[in-house]
Amino acid sequence: MIWNSWNDFWAMGGYGLYVWGSFGVTAVFMALEVVWVNNARAQALSQVASELAAQTNSKDWS
């Protein structure tokens, strides 16, 4: 496709809303995935640390 101006580029032959909307939605979900994975990792590390601390404390009392 040949674009004669930036307006033509952003309009994408009449499909600009669909094209740029798709890019936007994809970018939002990719960002949410990164946040979700980081939260899950932090929760897993916290759980492992608390289990390790509980295990260490139970050995001290044995």
PDB file of N, CA and C in Angstrom:
ATOM      1  N   MET A   1       0.841  -1.162   0.000  1.00  0.00           N
ATOM      2  CA  MET A   1       0.000   0.000   0.000  1.00  0.00           C
ATOM      3  C   MET A   1       0.894   1.236   0.000  1.00  0.00           C
ATOM      4  N   ILE A   2       0.533   2.225  -0.746  1.00  0.00           N
ATOM      5  CA  ILE A   2       1.304   3.463  -0.835  1.00  0.00           C
ATOM      6  C   ILE A   2       0.559   4.568  -0.091  1.00  0.00           C
ATOM      7  N   TRP A   3       1.276   5.232   0.809  1.00  0.00           N
ATOM      8  CA  TRP A   3       0.684   6.332   1.565  1.00  0.00           C
ATOM      9  C   TRP A   3       1.295   7.637   1.088  1.00  0.00           C
ATOM     10  N   ASN A   4       0.451   8.577   0.745  1.00  0.00           N
ATOM     11  CA  ASN A   4       0.913   9.874   0.264  1.00  0.00           C
ATOM     12  C   ASN A   4       1.096  10.881   1.378  1.00  0.00           C
ATOM     13  N   SER A   5       0.582  10.581   2.558  1.00  0.00           N
ATOM     14  CA  SER A   5       0.714  11.491   3.693  1.00  0.00           C
ATOM     15  C   SER A   5       0.612  10.684   4.986  1.00  0.00           C
ATOM     16  N   TRP A   6       0.927  11.357   6.072  1.00  0.00           N
ATOM     17  CA  TRP A   6       0.815  10.694   7.365  1.00  0.00           C
ATOM     18  C   TRP A   6      -0.642  10.368   7.691  1.00  0.00           C
ATOM     19  N   ASN A   7      -1.556  11.208   7.258  1.00  0.00           N
ATOM     20  CA  ASN A   7      -2.974  10.913   7.481  1.00  0.00           C
ATOM     21  C   ASN A   7      -3.384   9.623   6.776  1.00  0.00           C
ATOM     22  N   ASP A   8      -2.886   9.420   5.573  1.00  0.00           N
ATOM     23  CA  ASP A   8      -3.164   8.169   4.864  1.00  0.00           C
ATOM     24  C   ASP A   8      -2.566   6.975   5.606  1.00  0.00           C
ATOM     25  N   PHE A   9      -1.364   7.170   6.145  1.00  0.00           N
ATOM     26  CA  PHE A   9      -0.725   6.094   6.903  1.00  0.00           C
ATOM     27  C   PHE A   9      -1.560   5.728   8.129  1.00  0.00           C
ATOM     28  N   TRP A  10      -1.963   6.731   8.909  1.00  0.00           N
ATOM     29  CA  TRP A  10      -2.742   6.466  10.122  1.00  0.00           C
ATOM     30  C   TRP A  10      -4.129   5.924   9.799  1.00  0.00           C
ATOM     31  N   ALA A  11      -4.702   6.314   8.658  1.00  0.00           N
ATOM     32  CA  ALA A  11      -6.025   5.823   8.255  1.00  0.00           C
ATOM     33  C   ALA A  11      -5.956   4.385   7.753  1.00  0.00           C
ATOM     34  N   MET A  12      -4.810   3.971   7.246  1.00  0.00           N
ATOM     35  CA  MET A  12      -4.594   2.603   6.755  1.00  0.00           C
ATOM     36  C   MET A  12      -5.675   2.171   5.771  1.00  0.00           C
ATOM     37  N   GLY A  13      -5.979   3.031   4.830  1.00  0.00           N
ATOM     38  CA  GLY A  13      -6.956   2.675   3.806  1.00  0.00           C
ATOM     39  C   GLY A  13      -8.354   2.461   4.357  1.00  0.00           C
ATOM     40  N   GLY A  14      -8.678   3.132   5.448  1.00  0.00           N
ATOM     41  CA  GLY A  14      -9.997   2.980   6.058  1.00  0.00           C
ATOM     42  C   GLY A  14     -10.045   1.958   7.174  1.00  0.00           C
ATOM     43  N   TYR A  15      -8.943   1.241   7.379  1.00  0.00           N
ATOM     44  CA  TYR A  15      -8.893   0.218   8.419  1.00  0.00           C
ATOM     45  C   TYR A  15      -8.026   0.640   9.600  1.00  0.00           C
ATOM     46  N   GLY A  16      -7.727   1.914   9.691  1.00  0.00           N
ATOM     47  CA  GLY A  16      -6.835   2.414  10.739  1.00  0.00           C
ATOM     48  C   GLY A  16      -7.314   2.121  12.140  1.00  0.00           C
ATOM     49  N   LEU A  17      -8.608   2.313  12.387  1.00  0.00           N
ATOM     50  CA  LEU A  17      -9.136   2.054  13.725  1.00  0.00           C
ATOM     51  C   LEU A  17      -8.936   0.598  14.114  1.00  0.00           C
ATOM     52  N   TYR A  18      -9.197  -0.303  13.196  1.00  0.00           N
ATOM     53  CA  TYR A  18      -9.006  -1.728  13.462  1.00  0.00           C
ATOM     54  C   TYR A  18      -7.525  -2.048  13.663  1.00  0.00           C
ATOM     55  N   VAL A  19      -6.675  -1.539  12.769  1.00  0.00           N
ATOM     56  CA  VAL A  19      -5.242  -1.849  12.832  1.00  0.00           C
ATOM     57  C   VAL A  19      -4.636  -1.292  14.108  1.00  0.00           C
ATOM     58  N   TRP A  20      -4.819   0.000  14.364  1.00  0.00           N
ATOM     59  CA  TRP A  20      -4.197   0.618  15.525  1.00  0.00           C
ATOM     60  C   TRP A  20      -4.862   0.178  16.819  1.00  0.00           C
ATOM     61  N   GLY A  21      -6.147  -0.104  16.754  1.00  0.00           N
ATOM     62  CA  GLY A  21      -6.819  -0.656  17.928  1.00  0.00           C
ATOM     63  C   GLY A  21      -6.277  -2.026  18.290  1.00  0.00           C
ATOM     64  N   SER A  22      -6.018  -2.837  17.274  1.00  0.00           N
ATOM     65  CA  SER A  22      -5.440  -4.170  17.510  1.00  0.00           C
ATOM     66  C   SER A  22      -4.049  -4.068  18.116  1.00  0.00           C
ATOM     67  N   PHE A  23      -3.249  -3.154  17.584  1.00  0.00           N
ATOM     68  CA  PHE A  23      -1.922  -2.939  18.170  1.00  0.00           C
ATOM     69  C   PHE A  23      -2.046  -2.478  19.619  1.00  0.00           C
ATOM     70  N   GLY A  24      -2.952  -1.571  19.877  1.00  0.00           N
ATOM     71  CA  GLY A  24      -3.131  -1.045  21.231  1.00  0.00           C
ATOM     72  C   GLY A  24      -3.565  -2.109  22.217  1.00  0.00           C
ATOM     73  N   VAL A  25      -4.558  -2.899  21.826  1.00  0.00           N
ATOM     74  CA  VAL A  25      -5.045  -3.964  22.709  1.00  0.00           C
ATOM     75  C   VAL A  25      -3.944  -4.979  22.968  1.00  0.00           C
ATOM     76  N   THR A  26      -3.202  -5.337  21.941  1.00  0.00           N
ATOM     77  CA  THR A  26      -2.086  -6.281  22.106  1.00  0.00           C
ATOM     78  C   THR A  26      -1.035  -5.730  23.053  1.00  0.00           C
ATOM     79  N   ALA A  27      -0.692  -4.454  22.899  1.00  0.00           N
ATOM     80  CA  ALA A  27       0.304  -3.831  23.779  1.00  0.00           C
ATOM     81  C   ALA A  27      -0.178  -3.814  25.230  1.00  0.00           C
ATOM     82  N   VAL A  28      -1.448  -3.519  25.437  1.00  0.00           N
ATOM     83  CA  VAL A  28      -1.997  -3.501  26.803  1.00  0.00           C
ATOM     84  C   VAL A  28      -1.921  -4.885  27.425  1.00  0.00           C
ATOM     85  N   PHE A  29      -2.327  -5.904  26.669  1.00  0.00           N
ATOM     86  CA  PHE A  29      -2.297  -7.258  27.219  1.00  0.00           C
ATOM     87  C   PHE A  29      -0.878  -7.756  27.447  1.00  0.00           C
ATOM     88  N   MET A  30       0.063  -7.359  26.607  1.00  0.00           N
ATOM     89  CA  MET A  30       1.458  -7.741  26.835  1.00  0.00           C
ATOM     90  C   MET A  30       1.987  -7.078  28.103  1.00  0.00           C
ATOM     91  N   ALA A  31       1.634  -5.833  28.332  1.00  0.00           N
ATOM     92  CA  ALA A  31       2.055  -5.136  29.555  1.00  0.00           C
ATOM     93  C   ALA A  31       1.414  -5.795  30.781  1.00  0.00           C
ATOM     94  N   LEU A  32       0.132  -6.142  30.677  1.00  0.00           N
ATOM     95  CA  LEU A  32      -0.537  -6.823  31.792  1.00  0.00           C
ATOM     96  C   LEU A  32       0.097  -8.180  32.079  1.00  0.00           C
ATOM     97  N   GLU A  33       0.526  -8.865  31.049  1.00  0.00           N
ATOM     98  CA  GLU A  33       1.195 -10.160  31.225  1.00  0.00           C
ATOM     99  C   GLU A  33       2.493  -9.999  32.017  1.00  0.00           C
ATOM    100  N   VAL A  34       3.256  -8.961  31.702  1.00  0.00           N
ATOM    101  CA  VAL A  34       4.503  -8.703  32.424  1.00  0.00           C
ATOM    102  C   VAL A  34       4.208  -8.417  33.898  1.00  0.00           C
ATOM    103  N   VAL A  35       3.206  -7.600  34.160  1.00  0.00           N
ATOM    104  CA  VAL A  35       2.833  -7.280  35.548  1.00  0.00           C
ATOM    105  C   VAL A  35       2.369  -8.542  36.265  1.00  0.00           C
ATOM    106  N   TRP A  36       1.538  -9.335  35.599  1.00  0.00           N
ATOM    107  CA  TRP A  36       1.015 -10.554  36.206  1.00  0.00           C
ATOM    108  C   TRP A  36       2.137 -11.537  36.536  1.00  0.00           C
ATOM    109  N   VAL A  37       3.077 -11.716  35.617  1.00  0.00           N
ATOM    110  CA  VAL A  37       4.189 -12.643  35.843  1.00  0.00           C
ATOM    111  C   VAL A  37       5.070 -12.144  36.995  1.00  0.00           C
ATOM    112  N   ASN A  38       5.340 -10.845  37.033  1.00  0.00           N
ATOM    113  CA  ASN A  38       6.154 -10.304  38.129  1.00  0.00           C
ATOM    114  C   ASN A  38       5.461 -10.492  39.473  1.00  0.00           C
ATOM    115  N   ASN A  39       4.149 -10.283  39.533  1.00  0.00           N
ATOM    116  CA  ASN A  39       3.414 -10.499  40.782  1.00  0.00           C
ATOM    117  C   ASN A  39       3.414 -11.964  41.186  1.00  0.00           C
ATOM    118  N   ALA A  40       3.232 -12.847  40.234  1.00  0.00           N
ATOM    119  CA  ALA A  40       3.242 -14.281  40.527  1.00  0.00           C
ATOM    120  C   ALA A  40       4.623 -14.721  41.019  1.00  0.00           C
ATOM    121  N   ARG A  41       5.669 -14.173  40.417  1.00  0.00           N
ATOM    122  CA  ARG A  41       7.033 -14.504  40.840  1.00  0.00           C
ATOM    123  C   ARG A  41       7.285 -14.032  42.264  1.00  0.00           C
ATOM    124  N   ALA A  42       6.881 -12.796  42.556  1.00  0.00           N
ATOM    125  CA  ALA A  42       7.074 -12.257  43.900  1.00  0.00           C
ATOM    126  C   ALA A  42       6.301 -13.079  44.929  1.00  0.00           C
ATOM    127  N   GLN A  43       5.087 -13.482  44.586  1.00  0.00           N
ATOM    128  CA  GLN A  43       4.286 -14.293  45.502  1.00  0.00           C
ATOM    129  C   GLN A  43       4.938 -15.661  45.721  1.00  0.00           C
ATOM    130  N   ALA A  44       5.455 -16.268  44.664  1.00  0.00           N
ATOM    131  CA  ALA A  44       6.107 -17.569  44.787  1.00  0.00           C
ATOM    132  C   ALA A  44       7.363 -17.476  45.639  1.00  0.00           C
ATOM    133  N   LEU A  45       8.168 -16.435  45.415  1.00  0.00           N
ATOM    134  CA  LEU A  45       9.375 -16.252  46.225  1.00  0.00           C
ATOM    135  C   LEU A  45       9.031 -16.016  47.687  1.00  0.00           C
ATOM    136  N   SER A  46       7.978 -15.244  47.933  1.00  0.00           N
ATOM    137  CA  SER A  46       7.542 -14.992  49.309  1.00  0.00           C
ATOM    138  C   SER A  46       7.074 -16.282  49.974  1.00  0.00           C
ATOM    139  N   GLN A  47       6.345 -17.088  49.230  1.00  0.00           N
ATOM    140  CA  GLN A  47       5.871 -18.357  49.774  1.00  0.00           C
ATOM    141  C   GLN A  47       7.033 -19.283  50.092  1.00  0.00           C
ATOM    142  N   VAL A  48       7.998 -19.365  49.202  1.00  0.00           N
ATOM    143  CA  VAL A  48       9.166 -20.219  49.438  1.00  0.00           C
ATOM    144  C   VAL A  48       9.948 -19.717  50.648  1.00  0.00           C
ATOM    145  N   ALA A  49      10.109 -18.405  50.760  1.00  0.00           N
ATOM    146  CA  ALA A  49      10.843 -17.848  51.899  1.00  0.00           C
ATOM    147  C   ALA A  49      10.121 -18.142  53.213  1.00  0.00           C
ATOM    148  N   SER A  50       8.793 -18.007  53.224  1.00  0.00           N
ATOM    149  CA  SER A  50       8.058 -18.280  54.463  1.00  0.00           C
ATOM    150  C   SER A  50       8.091 -19.768  54.814  1.00  0.00           C
ATOM    151  N   GLU A  51       8.020 -20.629  53.800  1.00  0.00           N
ATOM    152  CA  GLU A  51       8.118 -22.069  54.066  1.00  0.00           C
ATOM    153  C   GLU A  51       9.506 -22.440  54.574  1.00  0.00           C
ATOM    154  N   LEU A  52      10.526 -21.817  54.024  1.00  0.00           N
ATOM    155  CA  LEU A  52      11.889 -22.074  54.482  1.00  0.00           C
ATOM    156  C   LEU A  52      12.077 -21.585  55.908  1.00  0.00           C
ATOM    157  N   ALA A  53      11.524 -20.421  56.218  1.00  0.00           N
ATOM    158  CA  ALA A  53      11.622 -19.886  57.580  1.00  0.00           C
ATOM    159  C   ALA A  53      10.871 -20.781  58.561  1.00  0.00           C
ATOM    160  N   ALA A  54       9.705 -21.261  58.169  1.00  0.00           N
ATOM    161  CA  ALA A  54       8.927 -22.158  59.035  1.00  0.00           C
ATOM    162  C   ALA A  54       9.675 -23.458  59.244  1.00  0.00           C
ATOM    163  N   GLN A  55      10.306 -23.965  58.216  1.00  0.00           N
ATOM    164  CA  GLN A  55      11.063 -25.210  58.313  1.00  0.00           C
ATOM    165  C   GLN A  55      12.282 -25.013  59.221  1.00  0.00           C
ATOM    166  N   THR A  56      12.938 -23.883  59.076  1.00  0.00           N
ATOM    167  CA  THR A  56      14.104 -23.588  59.917  1.00  0.00           C
ATOM    168  C   THR A  56      13.694 -23.444  61.370  1.00  0.00           C
ATOM    169  N   ASN A  57      12.568 -22.760  61.625  1.00  0.00           N
ATOM    170  CA  ASN A  57      12.090 -22.575  62.991  1.00  0.00           C
ATOM    171  C   ASN A  57      11.657 -23.897  63.613  1.00  0.00           C
ATOM    172  N   SER A  58      11.087 -24.789  62.845  1.00  0.00           N
ATOM    173  CA  SER A  58      10.639 -26.070  63.393  1.00  0.00           C
ATOM    174  C   SER A  58      11.832 -26.952  63.744  1.00  0.00           C
ATOM    175  N   LYS A  59      12.940 -26.811  63.051  1.00  0.00           N
ATOM    176  CA  LYS A  59      14.150 -27.583  63.363  1.00  0.00           C
ATOM    177  C   LYS A  59      14.786 -27.084  64.655  1.00  0.00           C
ATOM    178  N   ASP A  60      14.650 -25.778  64.929  1.00  0.00           N
ATOM    179  CA  ASP A  60      15.218 -25.215  66.143  1.00  0.00           C
ATOM    180  C   ASP A  60      14.525 -25.760  67.381  1.00  0.00           C
ATOM    181  N   TRP A  61      13.251 -26.074  67.288  1.00  0.00           N
ATOM    182  CA  TRP A  61      12.486 -26.540  68.448  1.00  0.00           C
ATOM    183  C   TRP A  61      12.554 -28.046  68.610  1.00  0.00           C
ATOM    184  N   SER A  62      13.096 -28.758  67.648  1.00  0.00           N
ATOM    185  CA  SER A  62      13.133 -30.226  67.742  1.00  0.00           C
ATOM    186  C   SER A  62      14.204 -30.716  68.669  1.00  0.00           C
TER     187      SER A  62
END
